[in-house]
Amino acid sequence: MNRTRTLTLGEPRLTRGLDHHRRVAHGTHVDLHGPLPDLAVDELITLAGLGGLRGRGGAGFPFARKLRAVQTAVARRQCGPRVVVNAAEGEPGSAKDRMLLTRVPHLVLDGAELAARALGSPQVVIGIADRGTRRSDVDPVGESLREAVAERRSATAFRVVRMPHRFVSGQAGALVEGINGRTPLPPGSPRRTSENGVGGLPTLLSNAETYAHLALLAAGGADAYAAVGTPDQPGTVLLTVGGDTVVEAPAGTPLVHVLGVCGSPPAQAVLVGGYHGAWLAPPAVARARLSRAGLAEVGGTLGAGIVLPLAENVCPLGETARTLRYLARESAGQCGPCVRGLPALADAFLALIGGEGDPGAVEAAAGIGEGKGACAHPDGAAVFARSALRAFASDVSAHAWGGGCGRPVRGALPLPDGPADRYARLSVDWSRCDGHGLCAELLPELVRLDANGFPEDPDLPVPASWEADADRAVRMCPALALRMSVPEA
């Protein structure tokens, strides 16, 4: 986190005080923003609606509707609710939530406590990423939160829960599963946290930045909040540019202006919205404005506020393929669209780069189980892959007909260290296979049988979470026809 810089365009709001303080302690925070007001739940719902506040974790769901849903569930069930701050930040290119919690933690805690008081929740749970630091290392986020809770002396209890640093850990259902003591993966079926969340109770769950904006709304009122931004998106947006620069800018700011302030060199394209987002070619970049509506107009998405410019001296298709491999490896392994679709999409993209595939095969792979996944992971990866076909159309032709674009893959897009882009493979020895079909019974989401009762695919990628089941299928195969190769650590 020490390598991350913070910039502000216009009057600072979320970043107020950071020009003079490395970390804003509680006393300074109160001087800057005022004491925490006490609002009833209906008042808070009205305020969030007037401020046009939407979630800042990616989906952009109206915060007032979330609050109302939890309020309704609490009244119907006559039980106590819980409030959860999602700061797991599984996207490799995002650093904004870490910046908030290490430098201005009281904005986030103010927003969460406002909601907890209004709803009657005795506790706020904060989910953060466990980044695998040694015991001797300092955890900046955890240390900042410990200091902040001690500084506040609040009647509201704050609990910090660490989640594995995985792409899917930031998904709402995965976070709730982790807080409840189970494996932190998205549940196999959709679940409304407003009805059944932490401990089975109605739960208000939103992103760290969302709560920080709620605190700003409560401190200054809706009119002051809307003094900057756009009519349909008041206020500012918090962006992570290039993986290591956090920028606060008024909603609607031109993308090229932000890139210029960050000192970004000329780029062949810019990825907006992260690895579930879209590539924008230079003409779209020139017209793009940083708001949900502004980016949608040029085929992009704001998502979690991730902006990744791609330098001109790297192979864009190779960088995209490398990321698709990572996304396939990060599958929760709980549904066919992830288990079969994401590796197929990564393989189709690699074949395209090698001149052995075509865009139609990528499109077909992107459509496997579209809209039917247990979470948004397969659909987000499909959006990312399809946008690459559009933004890098000339490179697609160069790889198909000219033997490649001549530029190397340099690992320009941020990904976790280690072999995250490789996965185990399950193969079938046709000289032994007798079509017993037991493998399909043991791995129904992975193995499909053809009309004659034999596996359709002789070579299948295996998500990490399925390796134990695949190994069991290998050991139980009556004909000893299955083999599994596992990548080296």
Protein backbone atom coordinates (compact mmCIF):
# COMPACT_ATOMS: atom_id res chain seq x y z
CA MET A 1 0.00 0.00 0.00
CA ASN A 2 2.93 2.35 0.57
CA ARG A 3 3.58 2.36 -3.17
CA THR A 4 0.08 3.68 -3.93
CA ARG A 5 -0.23 7.40 -4.56
CA THR A 6 -3.43 9.43 -4.15
CA LEU A 7 -4.50 12.32 -6.40
CA THR A 8 -7.51 14.62 -6.27
CA LEU A 9 -9.16 16.48 -9.14
CA GLY A 10 -11.20 19.44 -7.94
CA GLU A 11 -12.26 19.93 -4.33
CA PRO A 12 -11.38 16.92 -2.18
CA ARG A 13 -14.17 15.02 -0.47
CA LEU A 14 -13.23 11.44 0.24
CA THR A 15 -9.59 12.54 0.11
CA ARG A 16 -10.05 15.63 2.28
CA GLY A 17 -7.17 16.10 4.71
CA LEU A 18 -4.75 13.84 2.86
CA ASP A 19 -2.71 16.81 1.66
CA HIS A 20 -1.54 17.29 5.26
CA HIS A 21 -2.02 13.89 6.90
CA ARG A 22 -0.75 10.44 5.99
CA ARG A 23 -3.69 9.04 7.97
CA VAL A 24 -6.66 11.06 9.23
CA ALA A 25 -7.17 10.25 12.91
CA HIS A 26 -10.59 10.57 14.53
CA GLY A 27 -10.09 14.01 16.03
CA THR A 28 -8.95 15.45 12.70
CA HIS A 29 -11.77 13.61 10.93
CA VAL A 30 -14.38 15.29 13.18
CA ASP A 31 -12.76 18.68 12.56
CA LEU A 32 -12.97 18.10 8.79
CA HIS A 33 -16.42 16.50 8.50
CA GLY A 34 -18.22 17.20 11.76
CA PRO A 35 -19.58 14.79 14.37
CA LEU A 36 -21.58 11.73 13.37
CA PRO A 37 -25.29 12.67 13.12
CA ASP A 38 -28.03 10.43 14.48
CA LEU A 39 -30.58 9.58 11.75
CA ALA A 40 -33.62 7.34 11.83
CA VAL A 41 -33.80 4.68 9.16
CA ASP A 42 -36.48 6.51 7.14
CA GLU A 43 -34.37 9.67 7.21
CA LEU A 44 -31.33 7.75 6.02
CA ILE A 45 -33.30 6.10 3.22
CA THR A 46 -34.58 9.49 2.08
CA LEU A 47 -31.09 10.99 2.21
CA ALA A 48 -29.58 8.16 0.17
CA GLY A 49 -32.36 8.51 -2.40
CA LEU A 50 -31.98 12.28 -2.70
CA GLY A 51 -28.21 11.87 -3.09
CA GLY A 52 -28.62 9.26 -5.82
CA LEU A 53 -26.25 7.00 -3.91
CA ARG A 54 -25.49 3.69 -5.61
CA GLY A 55 -23.13 0.89 -4.72
CA ARG A 56 -19.48 1.46 -5.66
CA GLY A 57 -18.42 -2.17 -5.71
CA GLY A 58 -19.42 -2.86 -9.31
CA ALA A 59 -23.17 -3.50 -9.64
CA GLY A 60 -24.27 0.07 -8.87
CA PHE A 61 -27.44 -0.97 -7.00
CA PRO A 62 -29.37 1.94 -5.37
CA PHE A 63 -28.37 2.11 -1.72
CA ALA A 64 -31.77 3.40 -0.57
CA ARG A 65 -33.43 0.26 -1.94
CA LYS A 66 -30.95 -1.93 -0.06
CA LEU A 67 -31.73 -0.09 3.16
CA ARG A 68 -35.48 -0.37 2.61
CA ALA A 69 -35.23 -4.10 1.86
CA VAL A 70 -33.38 -4.76 5.12
CA GLN A 71 -35.81 -2.58 7.08
CA THR A 72 -38.75 -4.51 5.62
CA ALA A 73 -37.16 -7.89 6.38
CA VAL A 74 -36.41 -6.88 9.98
CA ALA A 75 -40.00 -5.72 10.54
CA ARG A 76 -41.46 -8.88 9.04
CA ARG A 77 -39.18 -11.31 10.87
CA GLN A 78 -38.96 -9.32 14.12
CA CYS A 79 -35.23 -9.93 14.40
CA GLY A 80 -32.03 -7.92 14.60
CA PRO A 81 -30.10 -7.05 11.42
CA ARG A 82 -26.39 -6.90 10.65
CA VAL A 83 -24.29 -4.41 8.67
CA VAL A 84 -21.35 -5.56 6.52
CA VAL A 85 -18.62 -3.51 4.83
CA ASN A 86 -17.22 -5.27 1.77
CA ALA A 87 -13.55 -4.30 1.49
CA ALA A 88 -12.28 -7.70 0.30
CA GLU A 89 -11.27 -6.06 -3.02
CA GLY A 90 -10.54 -9.23 -4.99
CA GLU A 91 -9.82 -7.36 -8.24
CA PRO A 92 -6.02 -7.26 -8.75
CA GLY A 93 -6.20 -3.79 -10.32
CA SER A 94 -8.07 -2.13 -7.44
CA ALA A 95 -6.57 -0.26 -4.49
CA LYS A 96 -9.25 2.31 -3.61
CA ASP A 97 -10.82 0.47 -0.66
CA ARG A 98 -7.40 -0.20 0.86
CA MET A 99 -6.61 3.49 0.50
CA LEU A 100 -9.83 4.47 2.28
CA LEU A 101 -9.30 2.08 5.18
CA THR A 102 -5.64 2.91 5.68
CA ARG A 103 -5.82 6.69 5.22
CA VAL A 104 -9.41 7.85 5.94
CA PRO A 105 -10.94 4.90 7.84
CA HIS A 106 -13.41 7.01 9.80
CA LEU A 107 -15.35 7.97 6.69
CA VAL A 108 -16.08 4.29 6.05
CA LEU A 109 -16.79 3.57 9.72
CA ASP A 110 -19.05 6.64 9.98
CA GLY A 111 -21.19 5.46 7.08
CA ALA A 112 -21.40 1.93 8.44
CA GLU A 113 -22.24 3.13 11.94
CA LEU A 114 -24.93 5.46 10.60
CA ALA A 115 -26.59 2.47 8.94
CA ALA A 116 -26.13 0.24 11.99
CA ARG A 117 -27.68 2.80 14.33
CA ALA A 118 -30.60 3.45 11.98
CA LEU A 119 -31.37 -0.24 11.50
CA GLY A 120 -30.70 -1.26 15.09
CA SER A 121 -27.68 -3.47 14.38
CA PRO A 122 -25.33 -3.88 17.35
CA GLN A 123 -22.42 -4.87 15.12
CA VAL A 124 -20.62 -3.89 11.92
CA VAL A 125 -18.54 -6.58 10.19
CA ILE A 126 -15.72 -5.45 7.88
CA GLY A 127 -14.43 -7.97 5.34
CA ILE A 128 -10.85 -7.34 4.21
CA ALA A 129 -8.41 -9.34 2.09
CA ASP A 130 -5.82 -11.57 3.71
CA ARG A 131 -2.81 -10.83 1.52
CA GLY A 132 -0.63 -13.55 3.00
CA THR A 133 1.70 -11.30 4.98
CA ARG A 134 4.03 -12.92 7.51
CA ARG A 135 3.29 -12.51 11.21
CA SER A 136 6.24 -10.15 11.47
CA ASP A 137 4.89 -7.93 8.70
CA VAL A 138 2.61 -4.97 9.37
CA ASP A 139 -0.88 -5.28 7.90
CA PRO A 140 -1.68 -1.64 6.99
CA VAL A 141 -5.44 -2.16 6.64
CA GLY A 142 -5.83 -4.23 9.80
CA GLU A 143 -3.60 -1.91 11.82
CA SER A 144 -5.47 1.19 10.65
CA LEU A 145 -8.81 -0.37 11.53
CA ARG A 146 -7.62 -1.38 14.99
CA GLU A 147 -6.47 2.18 15.65
CA ALA A 148 -9.68 3.65 14.26
CA VAL A 149 -11.98 1.49 16.40
CA ALA A 150 -9.96 2.39 19.51
CA GLU A 151 -10.14 6.10 18.62
CA ARG A 152 -13.92 6.10 18.17
CA ARG A 153 -15.04 4.63 21.52
CA SER A 154 -18.35 3.78 19.87
CA ALA A 155 -21.26 1.78 21.27
CA THR A 156 -21.36 -0.04 17.92
CA ALA A 157 -19.14 -3.11 17.87
CA PHE A 158 -16.77 -3.48 14.89
CA ARG A 159 -15.50 -6.89 13.82
CA VAL A 160 -12.84 -7.46 11.13
CA VAL A 161 -12.93 -10.68 9.11
CA ARG A 162 -10.11 -11.61 6.73
CA MET A 163 -10.97 -13.26 3.43
CA PRO A 164 -8.63 -15.16 1.08
CA HIS A 165 -7.23 -12.81 -1.53
CA ARG A 166 -9.14 -14.27 -4.49
CA PHE A 167 -11.07 -12.68 -7.32
CA VAL A 168 -14.41 -14.14 -6.20
CA SER A 169 -13.90 -13.25 -2.51
CA GLY A 170 -15.39 -9.82 -3.10
CA GLN A 171 -18.68 -11.29 -4.31
CA ALA A 172 -21.41 -10.56 -1.75
CA GLY A 173 -22.46 -14.17 -1.28
CA ALA A 174 -18.85 -15.32 -0.88
CA LEU A 175 -18.20 -12.68 1.77
CA VAL A 176 -21.28 -13.71 3.75
CA GLU A 177 -20.25 -17.37 3.53
CA GLY A 178 -16.80 -16.47 4.88
CA ILE A 179 -18.20 -14.39 7.74
CA ASN A 180 -20.48 -17.29 8.64
CA GLY A 181 -17.47 -19.57 8.98
CA ARG A 182 -17.89 -21.47 5.74
CA THR A 183 -15.71 -21.63 2.63
CA PRO A 184 -15.78 -18.10 1.17
CA LEU A 185 -17.16 -18.92 -2.26
CA PRO A 186 -20.33 -17.67 -3.97
CA PRO A 187 -23.26 -19.91 -2.95
CA GLY A 188 -24.56 -22.29 -5.60
CA SER A 189 -27.90 -20.49 -5.81
CA PRO A 190 -28.80 -16.78 -5.69
CA ARG A 191 -29.43 -15.39 -2.22
CA ARG A 192 -30.66 -12.03 -1.00
CA THR A 193 -28.47 -10.88 1.86
CA SER A 194 -31.23 -8.46 2.86
CA GLU A 195 -33.25 -11.55 3.79
CA ASN A 196 -30.61 -14.10 4.79
CA GLY A 197 -27.10 -12.88 5.44
CA VAL A 198 -24.75 -12.97 8.42
CA GLY A 199 -25.99 -15.55 10.90
CA GLY A 200 -29.12 -15.97 8.79
CA LEU A 201 -30.22 -12.44 9.69
CA PRO A 202 -31.25 -9.59 7.35
CA THR A 203 -27.96 -7.97 6.34
CA LEU A 204 -27.08 -4.64 4.77
CA LEU A 205 -23.97 -5.32 2.68
CA SER A 206 -22.23 -2.70 0.60
CA ASN A 207 -18.79 -1.63 -0.57
CA ALA A 208 -16.40 0.41 1.59
CA GLU A 209 -16.53 3.40 -0.75
CA THR A 210 -20.33 3.35 -0.66
CA TYR A 211 -20.34 3.79 3.12
CA ALA A 212 -17.80 6.61 2.83
CA HIS A 213 -20.12 8.43 0.43
CA LEU A 214 -23.04 7.85 2.82
CA ALA A 215 -21.02 9.58 5.54
CA LEU A 216 -20.39 12.56 3.23
CA LEU A 217 -24.10 12.75 2.42
CA ALA A 218 -25.05 12.75 6.08
CA ALA A 219 -22.43 15.37 6.95
CA GLY A 220 -23.30 17.92 4.26
CA GLY A 221 -26.76 17.07 2.95
CA ALA A 222 -27.94 16.09 -0.52
CA ASP A 223 -27.66 19.59 -2.05
CA ALA A 224 -24.02 20.03 -1.08
CA TYR A 225 -23.27 16.48 -2.19
CA ALA A 226 -24.74 17.18 -5.65
CA ALA A 227 -22.72 20.38 -6.13
CA VAL A 228 -20.36 18.32 -8.30
CA GLY A 229 -20.93 15.36 -10.56
CA THR A 230 -23.69 14.78 -13.11
CA PRO A 231 -27.48 14.99 -12.75
CA ASP A 232 -27.82 11.20 -12.75
CA GLN A 233 -24.67 10.58 -10.68
CA PRO A 234 -24.00 13.29 -8.09
CA GLY A 235 -20.73 13.51 -6.21
CA THR A 236 -17.30 12.12 -6.97
CA VAL A 237 -15.92 8.77 -8.10
CA LEU A 238 -12.90 7.00 -6.69
CA LEU A 239 -10.71 5.35 -9.31
CA THR A 240 -7.65 3.10 -9.34
CA VAL A 241 -5.56 4.01 -12.40
CA GLY A 242 -2.81 1.68 -13.58
CA GLY A 243 -3.12 -0.44 -10.45
CA ASP A 244 -1.17 1.95 -8.21
CA THR A 245 -2.77 5.42 -8.34
CA VAL A 246 -6.03 6.24 -6.55
CA VAL A 247 -7.82 9.28 -7.96
CA GLU A 248 -10.88 11.14 -6.67
CA ALA A 249 -12.64 13.03 -9.45
CA PRO A 250 -16.10 14.52 -9.99
CA ALA A 251 -18.42 12.08 -11.75
CA GLY A 252 -18.47 12.94 -15.46
CA THR A 253 -14.79 13.92 -15.66
CA PRO A 254 -13.31 13.07 -19.10
CA LEU A 255 -11.24 9.89 -19.00
CA VAL A 256 -8.43 11.50 -20.99
CA HIS A 257 -8.11 14.21 -18.34
CA VAL A 258 -7.64 11.64 -15.58
CA LEU A 259 -5.08 9.74 -17.65
CA GLY A 260 -3.20 12.96 -18.30
CA VAL A 261 -3.08 13.94 -14.64
CA CYS A 262 -1.78 10.46 -13.79
CA GLY A 263 0.99 10.83 -16.37
CA SER A 264 -0.16 7.84 -18.38
CA PRO A 265 1.78 7.46 -21.66
CA PRO A 266 -0.08 6.95 -24.95
CA ALA A 267 -2.08 3.73 -24.80
CA GLN A 268 -3.36 1.44 -27.54
CA ALA A 269 -6.49 0.87 -25.42
CA VAL A 270 -7.82 1.38 -21.88
CA LEU A 271 -9.59 -1.25 -19.80
CA VAL A 272 -12.39 0.25 -17.70
CA GLY A 273 -14.29 -1.60 -14.99
CA GLY A 274 -11.62 -4.21 -14.29
CA TYR A 275 -11.53 -7.81 -15.50
CA HIS A 276 -15.32 -7.90 -15.73
CA GLY A 277 -15.17 -4.66 -17.67
CA ALA A 278 -14.42 -3.67 -21.26
CA TRP A 279 -11.55 -2.52 -23.44
CA LEU A 280 -11.99 0.90 -25.03
CA ALA A 281 -10.14 1.75 -28.25
CA PRO A 282 -8.64 5.29 -28.60
CA PRO A 283 -11.74 6.87 -30.28
CA ALA A 284 -13.93 5.67 -27.41
CA VAL A 285 -11.34 6.77 -24.83
CA ALA A 286 -11.40 10.27 -26.28
CA ARG A 287 -15.19 10.50 -25.76
CA ALA A 288 -15.50 8.64 -22.47
CA ARG A 289 -16.61 10.35 -19.28
CA LEU A 290 -16.19 8.72 -15.90
CA SER A 291 -19.71 7.95 -14.80
CA ARG A 292 -21.96 4.94 -15.23
CA ALA A 293 -23.90 6.60 -18.04
CA GLY A 294 -20.84 8.21 -19.62
CA LEU A 295 -18.95 4.94 -19.95
CA ALA A 296 -22.02 3.00 -21.06
CA GLU A 297 -22.35 5.42 -24.00
CA VAL A 298 -18.98 4.24 -25.37
CA GLY A 299 -19.42 0.54 -24.57
CA GLY A 300 -17.67 0.55 -21.18
CA THR A 301 -18.62 0.15 -17.55
CA LEU A 302 -17.54 1.97 -14.40
CA GLY A 303 -17.64 -1.20 -12.29
CA ALA A 304 -15.38 -0.86 -9.27
CA GLY A 305 -13.62 2.19 -10.73
CA ILE A 306 -10.64 0.36 -12.24
CA VAL A 307 -8.82 2.05 -15.16
CA LEU A 308 -5.95 0.16 -16.81
CA PRO A 309 -4.24 1.79 -19.81
CA LEU A 310 -2.35 -0.68 -22.01
CA ALA A 311 1.02 0.47 -23.38
CA GLU A 312 1.60 0.37 -27.13
CA ASN A 313 4.61 -1.97 -26.96
CA VAL A 314 2.79 -5.10 -25.73
CA CYS A 315 0.59 -7.70 -27.43
CA PRO A 316 -2.97 -6.83 -26.41
CA LEU A 317 -4.36 -10.26 -27.27
CA GLY A 318 -1.62 -11.98 -25.29
CA GLU A 319 -2.30 -9.77 -22.27
CA THR A 320 -6.02 -10.53 -22.54
CA ALA A 321 -5.38 -14.28 -22.85
CA ARG A 322 -3.14 -14.22 -19.79
CA THR A 323 -5.92 -12.56 -17.81
CA LEU A 324 -8.54 -15.00 -19.08
CA ARG A 325 -6.36 -17.85 -17.82
CA TYR A 326 -6.31 -16.17 -14.43
CA LEU A 327 -10.10 -15.73 -14.43
CA ALA A 328 -10.56 -19.40 -15.31
CA ARG A 329 -8.30 -20.40 -12.44
CA GLU A 330 -10.25 -18.14 -10.06
CA SER A 331 -13.53 -19.97 -10.71
CA ALA A 332 -15.46 -21.04 -7.62
CA GLY A 333 -16.00 -24.37 -9.40
CA GLN A 334 -19.69 -24.57 -8.56
CA CYS A 335 -21.44 -24.34 -11.92
CA GLY A 336 -20.98 -25.40 -15.53
CA PRO A 337 -20.58 -21.88 -16.98
CA CYS A 338 -17.46 -21.42 -14.82
CA VAL A 339 -16.13 -24.98 -14.79
CA ARG A 340 -16.49 -25.58 -18.52
CA GLY A 341 -17.03 -22.13 -19.96
CA LEU A 342 -14.10 -20.11 -18.60
CA PRO A 343 -11.33 -22.59 -19.51
CA ALA A 344 -12.96 -23.05 -22.93
CA LEU A 345 -12.94 -19.27 -23.39
CA ALA A 346 -9.28 -19.02 -22.38
CA ASP A 347 -8.35 -21.89 -24.73
CA ALA A 348 -10.31 -20.34 -27.62
CA PHE A 349 -8.48 -17.05 -27.12
CA LEU A 350 -5.09 -18.77 -27.07
CA ALA A 351 -5.97 -20.59 -30.29
CA LEU A 352 -6.92 -17.24 -31.84
CA ILE A 353 -3.51 -15.80 -30.94
CA GLY A 354 -1.74 -18.81 -32.42
CA GLY A 355 -3.57 -18.45 -35.73
CA GLU A 356 -5.43 -21.72 -35.19
CA GLY A 357 -8.76 -20.26 -34.06
CA ASP A 358 -11.17 -17.55 -35.08
CA PRO A 359 -13.30 -14.86 -33.39
CA GLY A 360 -16.41 -17.00 -33.87
CA ALA A 361 -14.95 -19.68 -31.60
CA VAL A 362 -14.25 -17.06 -28.93
CA GLU A 363 -17.81 -15.75 -29.22
CA ALA A 364 -19.19 -19.28 -28.94
CA ALA A 365 -17.09 -20.01 -25.86
CA ALA A 366 -18.12 -16.71 -24.28
CA GLY A 367 -21.75 -17.71 -24.68
CA ILE A 368 -21.46 -21.03 -22.80
CA GLY A 369 -24.14 -20.88 -20.12
CA GLU A 370 -24.47 -17.13 -20.46
CA GLY A 371 -26.74 -15.72 -17.76
CA LYS A 372 -26.93 -19.08 -15.98
CA GLY A 373 -23.93 -18.98 -13.67
CA ALA A 374 -24.10 -19.13 -9.87
CA CYS A 375 -22.59 -15.63 -9.85
CA ALA A 376 -21.55 -12.97 -12.37
CA HIS A 377 -18.02 -14.32 -12.88
CA PRO A 378 -18.56 -16.15 -16.22
CA ASP A 379 -20.63 -13.31 -17.70
CA GLY A 380 -18.06 -10.70 -16.64
CA ALA A 381 -15.22 -12.67 -18.23
CA ALA A 382 -17.27 -12.96 -21.44
CA VAL A 383 -17.75 -9.17 -21.56
CA PHE A 384 -14.00 -8.71 -21.14
CA ALA A 385 -13.14 -11.18 -23.93
CA ARG A 386 -15.69 -9.84 -26.40
CA SER A 387 -14.54 -6.27 -25.88
CA ALA A 388 -11.00 -7.35 -26.79
CA LEU A 389 -12.24 -8.67 -30.13
CA ARG A 390 -13.76 -5.26 -30.89
CA ALA A 391 -10.97 -3.06 -29.56
CA PHE A 392 -8.13 -5.09 -31.11
CA ALA A 393 -9.72 -6.12 -34.41
CA SER A 394 -6.57 -5.31 -36.42
CA ASP A 395 -4.47 -7.44 -34.06
CA VAL A 396 -6.91 -10.32 -34.46
CA SER A 397 -6.30 -10.17 -38.22
CA ALA A 398 -2.53 -9.91 -37.74
CA HIS A 399 -2.47 -13.05 -35.63
CA ALA A 400 -4.82 -14.93 -37.95
CA TRP A 401 -3.09 -14.09 -41.24
CA GLY A 402 0.28 -12.51 -40.48
CA GLY A 403 1.76 -14.82 -37.87
CA GLY A 404 1.28 -12.36 -34.99
CA CYS A 405 1.54 -8.68 -34.16
CA GLY A 406 5.27 -8.80 -33.37
CA ARG A 407 4.88 -7.47 -29.83
CA PRO A 408 5.64 -9.49 -26.68
CA VAL A 409 3.47 -10.32 -23.67
CA ARG A 410 5.05 -8.45 -20.76
CA GLY A 411 2.54 -9.06 -17.95
CA ALA A 412 1.33 -5.49 -18.25
CA LEU A 413 -2.00 -6.16 -16.54
CA PRO A 414 -1.76 -6.62 -12.76
CA LEU A 415 -2.25 -10.20 -11.59
CA PRO A 416 -1.34 -11.91 -8.30
CA ASP A 417 2.09 -13.48 -8.04
CA GLY A 418 2.36 -17.20 -8.69
CA PRO A 419 0.92 -19.68 -11.19
CA ALA A 420 -2.64 -18.36 -11.01
CA ASP A 421 -3.03 -18.65 -14.77
CA ARG A 422 -2.44 -22.43 -14.83
CA TYR A 423 -4.79 -25.20 -13.80
CA ALA A 424 -4.87 -28.98 -13.55
CA ARG A 425 -6.16 -31.03 -16.48
CA LEU A 426 -8.18 -34.23 -16.56
CA SER A 427 -7.50 -36.45 -19.57
CA VAL A 428 -9.07 -39.65 -20.91
CA ASP A 429 -7.00 -42.59 -22.17
CA TRP A 430 -9.16 -43.84 -25.06
CA SER A 431 -7.28 -47.14 -25.20
CA ARG A 432 -8.70 -47.96 -21.75
CA CYS A 433 -12.07 -46.16 -21.57
CA ASP A 434 -15.03 -48.59 -21.67
CA GLY A 435 -17.79 -46.01 -21.29
CA HIS A 436 -18.78 -46.89 -17.73
CA GLY A 437 -19.94 -43.30 -17.15
CA LEU A 438 -18.89 -43.21 -13.48
CA CYS A 439 -16.77 -40.10 -14.12
CA ALA A 440 -19.89 -38.19 -15.21
CA GLU A 441 -21.68 -39.24 -12.01
CA LEU A 442 -18.78 -38.10 -9.84
CA LEU A 443 -18.15 -34.87 -11.81
CA PRO A 444 -21.53 -33.95 -13.35
CA GLU A 445 -20.61 -30.30 -13.95
CA LEU A 446 -17.30 -31.20 -15.57
CA VAL A 447 -17.73 -34.42 -17.56
CA ARG A 448 -20.42 -34.84 -20.19
CA LEU A 449 -21.10 -38.08 -22.01
CA ASP A 450 -21.78 -38.39 -25.73
CA ALA A 451 -24.58 -40.46 -27.29
CA ASN A 452 -22.50 -43.63 -26.86
CA GLY A 453 -21.80 -43.03 -23.18
CA PHE A 454 -18.18 -41.88 -23.55
CA PRO A 455 -16.79 -38.52 -22.30
CA GLU A 456 -17.27 -35.80 -24.93
CA ASP A 457 -13.93 -34.12 -24.20
CA PRO A 458 -10.67 -36.09 -23.89
CA ASP A 459 -8.87 -33.22 -22.12
CA LEU A 460 -10.59 -31.01 -19.52
CA PRO A 461 -9.31 -28.14 -17.35
CA VAL A 462 -10.03 -28.61 -13.64
CA PRO A 463 -10.64 -25.58 -11.37
CA ALA A 464 -8.61 -25.63 -8.16
CA SER A 465 -11.69 -26.16 -5.99
CA TRP A 466 -12.54 -29.32 -7.98
CA GLU A 467 -9.12 -30.99 -7.88
CA ALA A 468 -10.01 -33.25 -4.93
CA ASP A 469 -13.18 -34.49 -6.66
CA ALA A 470 -11.30 -35.03 -9.92
CA ASP A 471 -8.60 -36.99 -8.09
CA ARG A 472 -11.34 -39.17 -6.57
CA ALA A 473 -12.77 -39.83 -10.03
CA VAL A 474 -9.31 -40.86 -11.26
CA ARG A 475 -8.91 -43.31 -8.38
CA MET A 476 -12.41 -44.78 -8.82
CA CYS A 477 -12.41 -45.18 -12.62
CA PRO A 478 -13.05 -48.94 -13.19
CA ALA A 479 -10.98 -48.98 -16.38
CA LEU A 480 -8.12 -46.81 -15.02
CA ALA A 481 -8.72 -44.54 -18.03
CA LEU A 482 -8.49 -41.15 -16.28
CA ARG A 483 -5.33 -39.16 -15.70
CA MET A 484 -4.87 -35.81 -13.97
CA SER A 485 -1.87 -33.52 -14.36
CA VAL A 486 -1.41 -30.83 -11.71
CA PRO A 487 0.71 -27.70 -12.40
CA GLU A 488 3.80 -27.24 -10.27
CA ALA A 489 3.53 -24.77 -7.41
